[in-house]
């Protein structure tokens, strides 16, 4: 006996807002020296990373979230 799929309908306006919120509109440019670029190239080669933008984005956001978590405001 197979499972029946539940027919779930999602509001198209909700989906439209979700998609719009994920759109990347803010461009940032960084400059790297030769050593930094060599490290990134080696990492991408070793771990089969094809899109450096996603690598930079993930690394930056994870670092920022880590620092925010470590330096959260205290009451006293």
PDB file of N, CA and C in Angstrom:
ATOM      1  N   UNK A   1       0.826  -1.171   0.000  1.00  0.00           N
ATOM      2  CA  UNK A   1       0.000   0.000   0.000  1.00  0.00           C
ATOM      3  C   UNK A   1       0.882   1.250   0.000  1.00  0.00           C
ATOM      4  N   UNK A   2       0.656   2.121  -0.961  1.00  0.00           N
ATOM      5  CA  UNK A   2       1.440   3.336  -1.052  1.00  0.00           C
ATOM      6  C   UNK A   2       0.821   4.462  -0.237  1.00  0.00           C
ATOM      7  N   UNK A   3       1.630   5.402   0.086  1.00  0.00           N
ATOM      8  CA  UNK A   3       1.148   6.569   0.831  1.00  0.00           C
ATOM      9  C   UNK A   3       0.472   7.530  -0.133  1.00  0.00           C
ATOM     10  N   UNK A   4      -0.576   8.147   0.335  1.00  0.00           N
ATOM     11  CA  UNK A   4      -1.231   9.172  -0.451  1.00  0.00           C
ATOM     12  C   UNK A   4      -0.564  10.507  -0.181  1.00  0.00           C
ATOM     13  N   UNK A   5      -0.358  11.277  -1.235  1.00  0.00           N
ATOM     14  CA  UNK A   5       0.196  12.609  -1.064  1.00  0.00           C
ATOM     15  C   UNK A   5      -0.902  13.542  -0.601  1.00  0.00           C
ATOM     16  N   UNK A   6      -0.584  14.356   0.368  1.00  0.00           N
ATOM     17  CA  UNK A   6      -1.537  15.357   0.820  1.00  0.00           C
ATOM     18  C   UNK A   6      -1.493  16.520  -0.156  1.00  0.00           C
ATOM     19  N   UNK A   7      -2.633  16.965  -0.557  1.00  0.00           N
ATOM     20  CA  UNK A   7      -2.714  18.080  -1.491  1.00  0.00           C
ATOM     21  C   UNK A   7      -2.700  19.380  -0.688  1.00  0.00           C
ATOM     22  N   UNK A   8      -1.511  19.992  -0.604  1.00  0.00           N
ATOM     23  CA  UNK A   8      -1.342  21.209   0.175  1.00  0.00           C
ATOM     24  C   UNK A   8      -1.275  22.381  -0.799  1.00  0.00           C
ATOM     25  N   UNK A   9      -2.116  23.369  -0.579  1.00  0.00           N
ATOM     26  CA  UNK A   9      -2.076  24.552  -1.424  1.00  0.00           C
ATOM     27  C   UNK A   9      -1.432  25.685  -0.626  1.00  0.00           C
ATOM     28  N   UNK A  10      -0.591  26.430  -1.313  1.00  0.00           N
ATOM     29  CA  UNK A  10       0.113  27.545  -0.690  1.00  0.00           C
ATOM     30  C   UNK A  10      -0.310  28.807  -1.422  1.00  0.00           C
ATOM     31  N   UNK A  11      -0.561  29.836  -0.653  1.00  0.00           N
ATOM     32  CA  UNK A  11      -0.968  31.115  -1.217  1.00  0.00           C
ATOM     33  C   UNK A  11       0.105  31.632  -2.175  1.00  0.00           C
ATOM     34  N   UNK A  12      -0.242  31.919  -3.424  1.00  0.00           N
ATOM     35  CA  UNK A  12       0.748  32.419  -4.388  1.00  0.00           C
ATOM     36  C   UNK A  12       1.393  33.740  -3.961  1.00  0.00           C
ATOM     37  N   UNK A  13       0.655  34.586  -3.264  1.00  0.00           N
ATOM     38  CA  UNK A  13       1.227  35.844  -2.778  1.00  0.00           C
ATOM     39  C   UNK A  13       2.316  35.583  -1.747  1.00  0.00           C
ATOM     40  N   UNK A  14       2.103  34.587  -0.898  1.00  0.00           N
ATOM     41  CA  UNK A  14       3.108  34.211   0.092  1.00  0.00           C
ATOM     42  C   UNK A  14       4.387  33.751  -0.603  1.00  0.00           C
ATOM     43  N   UNK A  15       4.236  32.896  -1.619  1.00  0.00           N
ATOM     44  CA  UNK A  15       5.394  32.411  -2.365  1.00  0.00           C
ATOM     45  C   UNK A  15       6.122  33.554  -3.067  1.00  0.00           C
ATOM     46  N   UNK A  16       5.373  34.491  -3.587  1.00  0.00           N
ATOM     47  CA  UNK A  16       5.960  35.636  -4.269  1.00  0.00           C
ATOM     48  C   UNK A  16       6.787  36.484  -3.302  1.00  0.00           C
ATOM     49  N   UNK A  17       6.257  36.709  -2.087  1.00  0.00           N
ATOM     50  CA  UNK A  17       6.982  37.477  -1.075  1.00  0.00           C
ATOM     51  C   UNK A  17       8.237  36.737  -0.621  1.00  0.00           C
ATOM     52  N   UNK A  18       8.133  35.412  -0.454  1.00  0.00           N
ATOM     53  CA  UNK A  18       9.285  34.612  -0.043  1.00  0.00           C
ATOM     54  C   UNK A  18      10.394  34.705  -1.084  1.00  0.00           C
ATOM     55  N   UNK A  19      10.027  34.576  -2.348  1.00  0.00           N
ATOM     56  CA  UNK A  19      11.011  34.631  -3.422  1.00  0.00           C
ATOM     57  C   UNK A  19      11.654  36.009  -3.499  1.00  0.00           C
ATOM     58  N   UNK A  20      10.868  37.059  -3.333  1.00  0.00           N
ATOM     59  CA  UNK A  20      11.389  38.420  -3.385  1.00  0.00           C
ATOM     60  C   UNK A  20      12.337  38.693  -2.221  1.00  0.00           C
ATOM     61  N   UNK A  21      12.067  38.109  -1.063  1.00  0.00           N
ATOM     62  CA  UNK A  21      12.930  38.358   0.098  1.00  0.00           C
ATOM     63  C   UNK A  21      14.296  37.691  -0.051  1.00  0.00           C
ATOM     64  N   UNK A  22      14.389  36.674  -0.886  1.00  0.00           N
ATOM     65  CA  UNK A  22      15.660  35.973  -1.080  1.00  0.00           C
ATOM     66  C   UNK A  22      16.500  36.563  -2.211  1.00  0.00           C
ATOM     67  N   UNK A  23      15.940  37.498  -2.943  1.00  0.00           N
ATOM     68  CA  UNK A  23      16.650  38.119  -4.048  1.00  0.00           C
ATOM     69  C   UNK A  23      17.821  38.949  -3.528  1.00  0.00           C
ATOM     70  N   UNK A  24      18.989  38.734  -4.085  1.00  0.00           N
ATOM     71  CA  UNK A  24      20.182  39.460  -3.636  1.00  0.00           C
ATOM     72  C   UNK A  24      20.354  40.708  -4.483  1.00  0.00           C
ATOM     73  N   UNK A  25      20.233  41.862  -3.845  1.00  0.00           N
ATOM     74  CA  UNK A  25      20.297  43.128  -4.562  1.00  0.00           C
ATOM     75  C   UNK A  25      21.522  43.957  -4.204  1.00  0.00           C
ATOM     76  N   UNK A  26      22.219  43.591  -3.172  1.00  0.00           N
ATOM     77  CA  UNK A  26      23.313  44.408  -2.663  1.00  0.00           C
ATOM     78  C   UNK A  26      24.652  43.787  -3.056  1.00  0.00           C
ATOM     79  N   UNK A  27      25.381  44.480  -3.892  1.00  0.00           N
ATOM     80  CA  UNK A  27      26.662  43.980  -4.386  1.00  0.00           C
ATOM     81  C   UNK A  27      27.790  44.463  -3.474  1.00  0.00           C
ATOM     82  N   UNK A  28      28.710  43.562  -3.171  1.00  0.00           N
ATOM     83  CA  UNK A  28      29.887  43.878  -2.381  1.00  0.00           C
ATOM     84  C   UNK A  28      31.113  43.394  -3.147  1.00  0.00           C
ATOM     85  N   UNK A  29      32.161  44.171  -3.124  1.00  0.00           N
ATOM     86  CA  UNK A  29      33.389  43.807  -3.816  1.00  0.00           C
ATOM     87  C   UNK A  29      34.504  43.729  -2.779  1.00  0.00           C
ATOM     88  N   UNK A  30      35.309  42.665  -2.850  1.00  0.00           N
ATOM     89  CA  UNK A  30      36.451  42.540  -1.950  1.00  0.00           C
ATOM     90  C   UNK A  30      37.710  42.322  -2.779  1.00  0.00           C
ATOM     91  N   UNK A  31      38.820  42.726  -2.242  1.00  0.00           N
ATOM     92  CA  UNK A  31      40.112  42.516  -2.877  1.00  0.00           C
ATOM     93  C   UNK A  31      40.923  41.575  -2.005  1.00  0.00           C
ATOM     94  N   UNK A  32      41.604  40.624  -2.644  1.00  0.00           N
ATOM     95  CA  UNK A  32      42.421  39.654  -1.936  1.00  0.00           C
ATOM     96  C   UNK A  32      43.858  39.751  -2.433  1.00  0.00           C
ATOM     97  N   UNK A  33      44.806  39.471  -1.542  1.00  0.00           N
ATOM     98  CA  UNK A  33      46.191  39.411  -2.002  1.00  0.00           C
ATOM     99  C   UNK A  33      46.464  38.021  -2.584  1.00  0.00           C
ATOM    100  N   UNK A  34      47.665  37.814  -3.091  1.00  0.00           N
ATOM    101  CA  UNK A  34      47.986  36.551  -3.761  1.00  0.00           C
ATOM    102  C   UNK A  34      47.889  35.354  -2.824  1.00  0.00           C
ATOM    103  N   UNK A  35      48.362  35.513  -1.588  1.00  0.00           N
ATOM    104  CA  UNK A  35      48.311  34.401  -0.630  1.00  0.00           C
ATOM    105  C   UNK A  35      46.882  34.025  -0.274  1.00  0.00           C
ATOM    106  N   UNK A  36      46.034  35.007  -0.044  1.00  0.00           N
ATOM    107  CA  UNK A  36      44.630  34.741   0.277  1.00  0.00           C
ATOM    108  C   UNK A  36      43.935  34.038  -0.887  1.00  0.00           C
ATOM    109  N   UNK A  37      44.199  34.496  -2.092  1.00  0.00           N
ATOM    110  CA  UNK A  37      43.582  33.882  -3.264  1.00  0.00           C
ATOM    111  C   UNK A  37      44.068  32.453  -3.457  1.00  0.00           C
ATOM    112  N   UNK A  38      45.345  32.212  -3.179  1.00  0.00           N
ATOM    113  CA  UNK A  38      45.886  30.854  -3.295  1.00  0.00           C
ATOM    114  C   UNK A  38      45.214  29.909  -2.308  1.00  0.00           C
ATOM    115  N   UNK A  39      44.980  30.394  -1.098  1.00  0.00           N
ATOM    116  CA  UNK A  39      44.301  29.572  -0.091  1.00  0.00           C
ATOM    117  C   UNK A  39      42.879  29.240  -0.547  1.00  0.00           C
ATOM    118  N   UNK A  40      42.184  30.228  -1.064  1.00  0.00           N
ATOM    119  CA  UNK A  40      40.812  30.003  -1.521  1.00  0.00           C
ATOM    120  C   UNK A  40      40.781  29.049  -2.706  1.00  0.00           C
ATOM    121  N   UNK A  41      41.701  29.211  -3.638  1.00  0.00           N
ATOM    122  CA  UNK A  41      41.769  28.303  -4.796  1.00  0.00           C
ATOM    123  C   UNK A  41      42.047  26.875  -4.343  1.00  0.00           C
ATOM    124  N   UNK A  42      42.954  26.706  -3.402  1.00  0.00           N
ATOM    125  CA  UNK A  42      43.275  25.369  -2.883  1.00  0.00           C
ATOM    126  C   UNK A  42      42.060  24.748  -2.194  1.00  0.00           C
ATOM    127  N   UNK A  43      41.372  25.541  -1.387  1.00  0.00           N
ATOM    128  CA  UNK A  43      40.168  25.045  -0.701  1.00  0.00           C
ATOM    129  C   UNK A  43      39.122  24.606  -1.719  1.00  0.00           C
ATOM    130  N   UNK A  44      38.886  25.443  -2.714  1.00  0.00           N
ATOM    131  CA  UNK A  44      37.881  25.120  -3.736  1.00  0.00           C
ATOM    132  C   UNK A  44      38.270  23.864  -4.518  1.00  0.00           C
ATOM    133  N   UNK A  45      39.547  23.724  -4.825  1.00  0.00           N
ATOM    134  CA  UNK A  45      39.999  22.538  -5.543  1.00  0.00           C
ATOM    135  C   UNK A  45      39.845  21.288  -4.685  1.00  0.00           C
ATOM    136  N   UNK A  46      40.243  21.402  -3.420  1.00  0.00           N
ATOM    137  CA  UNK A  46      40.223  20.239  -2.536  1.00  0.00           C
ATOM    138  C   UNK A  46      38.804  19.793  -2.192  1.00  0.00           C
ATOM    139  N   UNK A  47      37.914  20.749  -1.982  1.00  0.00           N
ATOM    140  CA  UNK A  47      36.557  20.406  -1.557  1.00  0.00           C
ATOM    141  C   UNK A  47      35.523  20.567  -2.665  1.00  0.00           C
ATOM    142  N   UNK A  48      35.992  20.670  -3.888  1.00  0.00           N
ATOM    143  CA  UNK A  48      35.130  20.680  -5.069  1.00  0.00           C
ATOM    144  C   UNK A  48      34.077  21.793  -5.019  1.00  0.00           C
ATOM    145  N   UNK A  49      34.491  22.976  -4.631  1.00  0.00           N
ATOM    146  CA  UNK A  49      33.591  24.126  -4.581  1.00  0.00           C
ATOM    147  C   UNK A  49      33.618  24.788  -5.943  1.00  0.00           C
ATOM    148  N   UNK A  50      32.446  24.947  -6.545  1.00  0.00           N
ATOM    149  CA  UNK A  50      32.381  25.546  -7.879  1.00  0.00           C
ATOM    150  C   UNK A  50      32.004  27.013  -7.834  1.00  0.00           C
ATOM    151  N   UNK A  51      31.211  27.394  -6.854  1.00  0.00           N
ATOM    152  CA  UNK A  51      30.749  28.775  -6.770  1.00  0.00           C
ATOM    153  C   UNK A  51      31.396  29.448  -5.571  1.00  0.00           C
ATOM    154  N   UNK A  52      32.305  30.342  -5.847  1.00  0.00           N
ATOM    155  CA  UNK A  52      33.008  31.016  -4.762  1.00  0.00           C
ATOM    156  C   UNK A  52      32.092  31.984  -4.023  1.00  0.00           C
ATOM    157  N   UNK A  53      31.116  32.536  -4.708  1.00  0.00           N
ATOM    158  CA  UNK A  53      30.204  33.483  -4.057  1.00  0.00           C
ATOM    159  C   UNK A  53      29.477  32.813  -2.898  1.00  0.00           C
ATOM    160  N   UNK A  54      29.013  31.595  -3.094  1.00  0.00           N
ATOM    161  CA  UNK A  54      28.319  30.897  -2.008  1.00  0.00           C
ATOM    162  C   UNK A  54      29.283  30.557  -0.876  1.00  0.00           C
ATOM    163  N   UNK A  55      30.541  30.255  -1.230  1.00  0.00           N
ATOM    164  CA  UNK A  55      31.560  29.993  -0.213  1.00  0.00           C
ATOM    165  C   UNK A  55      31.806  31.234   0.631  1.00  0.00           C
ATOM    166  N   UNK A  56      31.997  32.376  -0.023  1.00  0.00           N
ATOM    167  CA  UNK A  56      32.218  33.636   0.701  1.00  0.00           C
ATOM    168  C   UNK A  56      31.012  33.967   1.570  1.00  0.00           C
ATOM    169  N   UNK A  57      29.825  33.828   0.993  1.00  0.00           N
ATOM    170  CA  UNK A  57      28.598  34.161   1.716  1.00  0.00           C
ATOM    171  C   UNK A  57      28.459  33.294   2.964  1.00  0.00           C
ATOM    172  N   UNK A  58      28.652  31.998   2.818  1.00  0.00           N
ATOM    173  CA  UNK A  58      28.522  31.086   3.956  1.00  0.00           C
ATOM    174  C   UNK A  58      29.570  31.369   5.030  1.00  0.00           C
ATOM    175  N   UNK A  59      30.810  31.622   4.606  1.00  0.00           N
ATOM    176  CA  UNK A  59      31.883  31.881   5.562  1.00  0.00           C
ATOM    177  C   UNK A  59      31.645  33.180   6.323  1.00  0.00           C
ATOM    178  N   UNK A  60      31.235  34.211   5.615  1.00  0.00           N
ATOM    179  CA  UNK A  60      31.015  35.505   6.254  1.00  0.00           C
ATOM    180  C   UNK A  60      29.837  35.437   7.215  1.00  0.00           C
ATOM    181  N   UNK A  61      28.734  34.881   6.770  1.00  0.00           N
ATOM    182  CA  UNK A  61      27.543  34.826   7.621  1.00  0.00           C
ATOM    183  C   UNK A  61      27.784  33.947   8.838  1.00  0.00           C
ATOM    184  N   UNK A  62      28.457  32.803   8.662  1.00  0.00           N
ATOM    185  CA  UNK A  62      28.700  31.941   9.826  1.00  0.00           C
ATOM    186  C   UNK A  62      29.606  32.635  10.836  1.00  0.00           C
ATOM    187  N   UNK A  63      30.600  33.361  10.355  1.00  0.00           N
ATOM    188  CA  UNK A  63      31.487  34.100  11.264  1.00  0.00           C
ATOM    189  C   UNK A  63      30.731  35.203  12.005  1.00  0.00           C
ATOM    190  N   UNK A  64      29.898  35.928  11.279  1.00  0.00           N
ATOM    191  CA  UNK A  64      29.131  36.996  11.913  1.00  0.00           C
ATOM    192  C   UNK A  64      28.158  36.449  12.955  1.00  0.00           C
ATOM    193  N   UNK A  65      27.478  35.370  12.628  1.00  0.00           N
ATOM    194  CA  UNK A  65      26.548  34.775  13.588  1.00  0.00           C
ATOM    195  C   UNK A  65      27.280  34.257  14.814  1.00  0.00           C
ATOM    196  N   UNK A  66      28.461  33.681  14.611  1.00  0.00           N
ATOM    197  CA  UNK A  66      29.266  33.188  15.734  1.00  0.00           C
ATOM    198  C   UNK A  66      29.667  34.345  16.645  1.00  0.00           C
ATOM    199  N   UNK A  67      30.130  35.435  16.070  1.00  0.00           N
ATOM    200  CA  UNK A  67      30.544  36.581  16.882  1.00  0.00           C
ATOM    201  C   UNK A  67      29.365  37.230  17.595  1.00  0.00           C
ATOM    202  N   UNK A  68      28.229  37.312  16.923  1.00  0.00           N
ATOM    203  CA  UNK A  68      27.044  37.870  17.580  1.00  0.00           C
ATOM    204  C   UNK A  68      26.605  37.007  18.752  1.00  0.00           C
ATOM    205  N   UNK A  69      26.726  35.690  18.578  1.00  0.00           N
ATOM    206  CA  UNK A  69      26.349  34.775  19.653  1.00  0.00           C
ATOM    207  C   UNK A  69      27.305  34.901  20.839  1.00  0.00           C
ATOM    208  N   UNK A  70      28.586  35.043  20.551  1.00  0.00           N
ATOM    209  CA  UNK A  70      29.580  35.160  21.636  1.00  0.00           C
ATOM    210  C   UNK A  70      29.505  36.505  22.360  1.00  0.00           C
ATOM    211  N   UNK A  71      29.103  37.531  21.663  1.00  0.00           N
ATOM    212  CA  UNK A  71      29.099  38.885  22.238  1.00  0.00           C
ATOM    213  C   UNK A  71      27.684  39.415  22.427  1.00  0.00           C
ATOM    214  N   UNK A  72      26.807  38.552  22.865  1.00  0.00           N
ATOM    215  CA  UNK A  72      25.433  38.999  23.077  1.00  0.00           C
ATOM    216  C   UNK A  72      25.363  39.962  24.270  1.00  0.00           C
ATOM    217  N   UNK A  73      24.440  40.890  24.220  1.00  0.00           N
ATOM    218  CA  UNK A  73      24.353  41.858  25.321  1.00  0.00           C
ATOM    219  C   UNK A  73      23.914  41.190  26.618  1.00  0.00           C
ATOM    220  N   UNK A  74      24.474  41.662  27.709  1.00  0.00           N
ATOM    221  CA  UNK A  74      24.110  41.124  29.017  1.00  0.00           C
ATOM    222  C   UNK A  74      23.380  42.202  29.820  1.00  0.00           C
ATOM    223  N   UNK A  75      22.642  41.770  30.769  1.00  0.00           N
ATOM    224  CA  UNK A  75      21.843  42.684  31.569  1.00  0.00           C
ATOM    225  C   UNK A  75      22.706  43.392  32.612  1.00  0.00           C
ATOM    226  N   UNK A  76      23.712  42.721  33.130  1.00  0.00           N
ATOM    227  CA  UNK A  76      24.545  43.314  34.191  1.00  0.00           C
ATOM    228  C   UNK A  76      25.968  43.411  33.769  1.00  0.00           C
TER     229      UNK A  76
END
